[in-house]
C-alpha atoms as a PDB file:
ATOM      1  CA  MET A   1     -27.768 -53.725 -17.731  1.00  0.00           C
ATOM      2  CA  THR A   2     -25.246 -51.370 -19.031  1.00  0.00           C
ATOM      3  CA  VAL A   3     -22.455 -49.753 -17.105  1.00  0.00           C
ATOM      4  CA  VAL A   4     -24.175 -46.383 -17.395  1.00  0.00           C
ATOM      5  CA  ARG A   5     -27.371 -47.679 -15.775  1.00  0.00           C
ATOM      6  CA  ILE A   6     -25.446 -49.373 -12.952  1.00  0.00           C
ATOM      7  CA  THR A   7     -23.468 -46.195 -12.319  1.00  0.00           C
ATOM      8  CA  LEU A   8     -26.637 -44.109 -12.366  1.00  0.00           C
ATOM      9  CA  MET A   9     -28.411 -46.460  -9.943  1.00  0.00           C
ATOM     10  CA  LEU A  10     -25.397 -46.489  -7.632  1.00  0.00           C
ATOM     11  CA  ALA A  11     -25.249 -42.684  -7.689  1.00  0.00           C
ATOM     12  CA  ILE A  12     -28.958 -42.397  -6.853  1.00  0.00           C
ATOM     13  CA  PHE A  13     -28.575 -44.948  -4.045  1.00  0.00           C
ATOM     14  CA  CYS A  14     -25.593 -43.093  -2.529  1.00  0.00           C
ATOM     15  CA  TYR A  15     -27.431 -39.770  -2.813  1.00  0.00           C
ATOM     16  CA  SER A  16     -30.438 -41.194  -0.996  1.00  0.00           C
ATOM     17  CA  LEU A  17     -28.185 -42.452   1.807  1.00  0.00           C
ATOM     18  CA  GLN A  18     -26.649 -39.016   2.165  1.00  0.00           C
ATOM     19  CA  ALA A  19     -30.079 -37.384   2.261  1.00  0.00           C
ATOM     20  CA  GLN A  20     -31.138 -39.639   5.166  1.00  0.00           C
ATOM     21  CA  GLU A  21     -28.338 -38.541   7.502  1.00  0.00           C
ATOM     22  CA  THR A  22     -29.567 -36.676  10.543  1.00  0.00           C
ATOM     23  CA  PRO A  23     -28.567 -33.031  10.581  1.00  0.00           C
ATOM     24  CA  ILE A  24     -26.142 -31.899  13.235  1.00  0.00           C
ATOM     25  CA  ALA A  25     -27.922 -29.823  15.839  1.00  0.00           C
ATOM     26  CA  THR A  26     -26.379 -26.445  16.430  1.00  0.00           C
ATOM     27  CA  THR A  27     -26.320 -25.601  20.101  1.00  0.00           C
ATOM     28  CA  ASP A  28     -24.584 -22.925  22.083  1.00  0.00           C
ATOM     29  CA  TYR A  29     -21.584 -24.441  23.843  1.00  0.00           C
ATOM     30  CA  SER A  30     -20.266 -21.165  25.247  1.00  0.00           C
ATOM     31  CA  PRO A  31     -19.253 -21.341  28.916  1.00  0.00           C
ATOM     32  CA  PRO A  32     -21.389 -19.534  31.469  1.00  0.00           C
ATOM     33  CA  PRO A  33     -20.172 -16.078  32.484  1.00  0.00           C
ATOM     34  CA  GLU A  34     -17.745 -16.055  35.394  1.00  0.00           C
ATOM     35  CA  GLU A  35     -18.974 -14.698  38.693  1.00  0.00           C
ATOM     36  CA  SER A  36     -17.539 -11.376  39.759  1.00  0.00           C
ATOM     37  CA  VAL A  37     -15.663 -11.562  43.077  1.00  0.00           C
ATOM     38  CA  ASP A  38     -14.563  -8.440  44.911  1.00  0.00           C
ATOM     39  CA  ASP A  39     -10.776  -8.434  45.417  1.00  0.00           C
ATOM     40  CA  ASP A  40      -9.871  -7.029  48.817  1.00  0.00           C
ATOM     41  CA  GLY A  41      -6.134  -7.656  48.259  1.00  0.00           C
ATOM     42  CA  SER A  42      -5.761 -10.352  50.911  1.00  0.00           C
ATOM     43  CA  ARG A  43      -4.006 -13.596  50.038  1.00  0.00           C
ATOM     44  CA  VAL A  44      -3.936 -16.934  51.802  1.00  0.00           C
ATOM     45  CA  ALA A  45      -0.868 -19.172  51.807  1.00  0.00           C
ATOM     46  CA  VAL A  46      -0.855 -22.722  53.119  1.00  0.00           C
ATOM     47  CA  LEU A  47       2.466 -24.327  53.944  1.00  0.00           C
ATOM     48  CA  GLY A  48       2.282 -27.985  54.874  1.00  0.00           C
ATOM     49  CA  TYR A  49       4.845 -30.142  56.658  1.00  0.00           C
ATOM     50  CA  HIS A  50       6.748 -27.179  58.120  1.00  0.00           C
ATOM     51  CA  VAL A  51       7.438 -26.285  61.730  1.00  0.00           C
ATOM     52  CA  PHE A  52       7.002 -22.650  62.695  1.00  0.00           C
ATOM     53  CA  HIS A  53       9.103 -21.507  65.639  1.00  0.00           C
ATOM     54  CA  GLY A  54       9.817 -18.128  67.120  1.00  0.00           C
ATOM     55  CA  THR A  55      13.364 -18.641  68.446  1.00  0.00           C
ATOM     56  CA  LEU A  56      15.025 -21.673  66.799  1.00  0.00           C
ATOM     57  CA  PRO A  57      17.108 -21.144  63.615  1.00  0.00           C
ATOM     58  CA  ALA A  58      15.703 -21.976  60.184  1.00  0.00           C
ATOM     59  CA  THR A  59      16.236 -25.433  58.671  1.00  0.00           C
ATOM     60  CA  GLN A  60      14.720 -27.219  55.677  1.00  0.00           C
ATOM     61  CA  MET A  61      11.618 -28.032  57.705  1.00  0.00           C
ATOM     62  CA  ARG A  62      11.612 -25.130  60.196  1.00  0.00           C
ATOM     63  CA  ILE A  63      10.534 -21.600  59.345  1.00  0.00           C
ATOM     64  CA  PRO A  64      10.981 -18.727  61.801  1.00  0.00           C
ATOM     65  CA  THR A  65       7.683 -16.988  62.472  1.00  0.00           C
ATOM     66  CA  SER A  66       9.270 -13.591  61.816  1.00  0.00           C
ATOM     67  CA  LYS A  67      10.219 -14.674  58.267  1.00  0.00           C
ATOM     68  CA  PHE A  68       6.770 -16.177  57.623  1.00  0.00           C
ATOM     69  CA  ARG A  69       4.964 -13.015  58.714  1.00  0.00           C
ATOM     70  CA  SER A  70       7.110 -10.712  56.555  1.00  0.00           C
END
């Protein structure tokens, strides 16, 4: 066999392998639309590991209730 025939056979073989690959399915990966939530302007804050007190002075772990409510 000549080099030309071997090259031609190799090219045909590689082409047939490429033709047998499964096509990539195109699907829609867009996220679903977000739900609309009415904003009434209220906010919720959660402070953990703090002591709320009405009369004692503020420390690292104590928050006066008047300051928290403001």
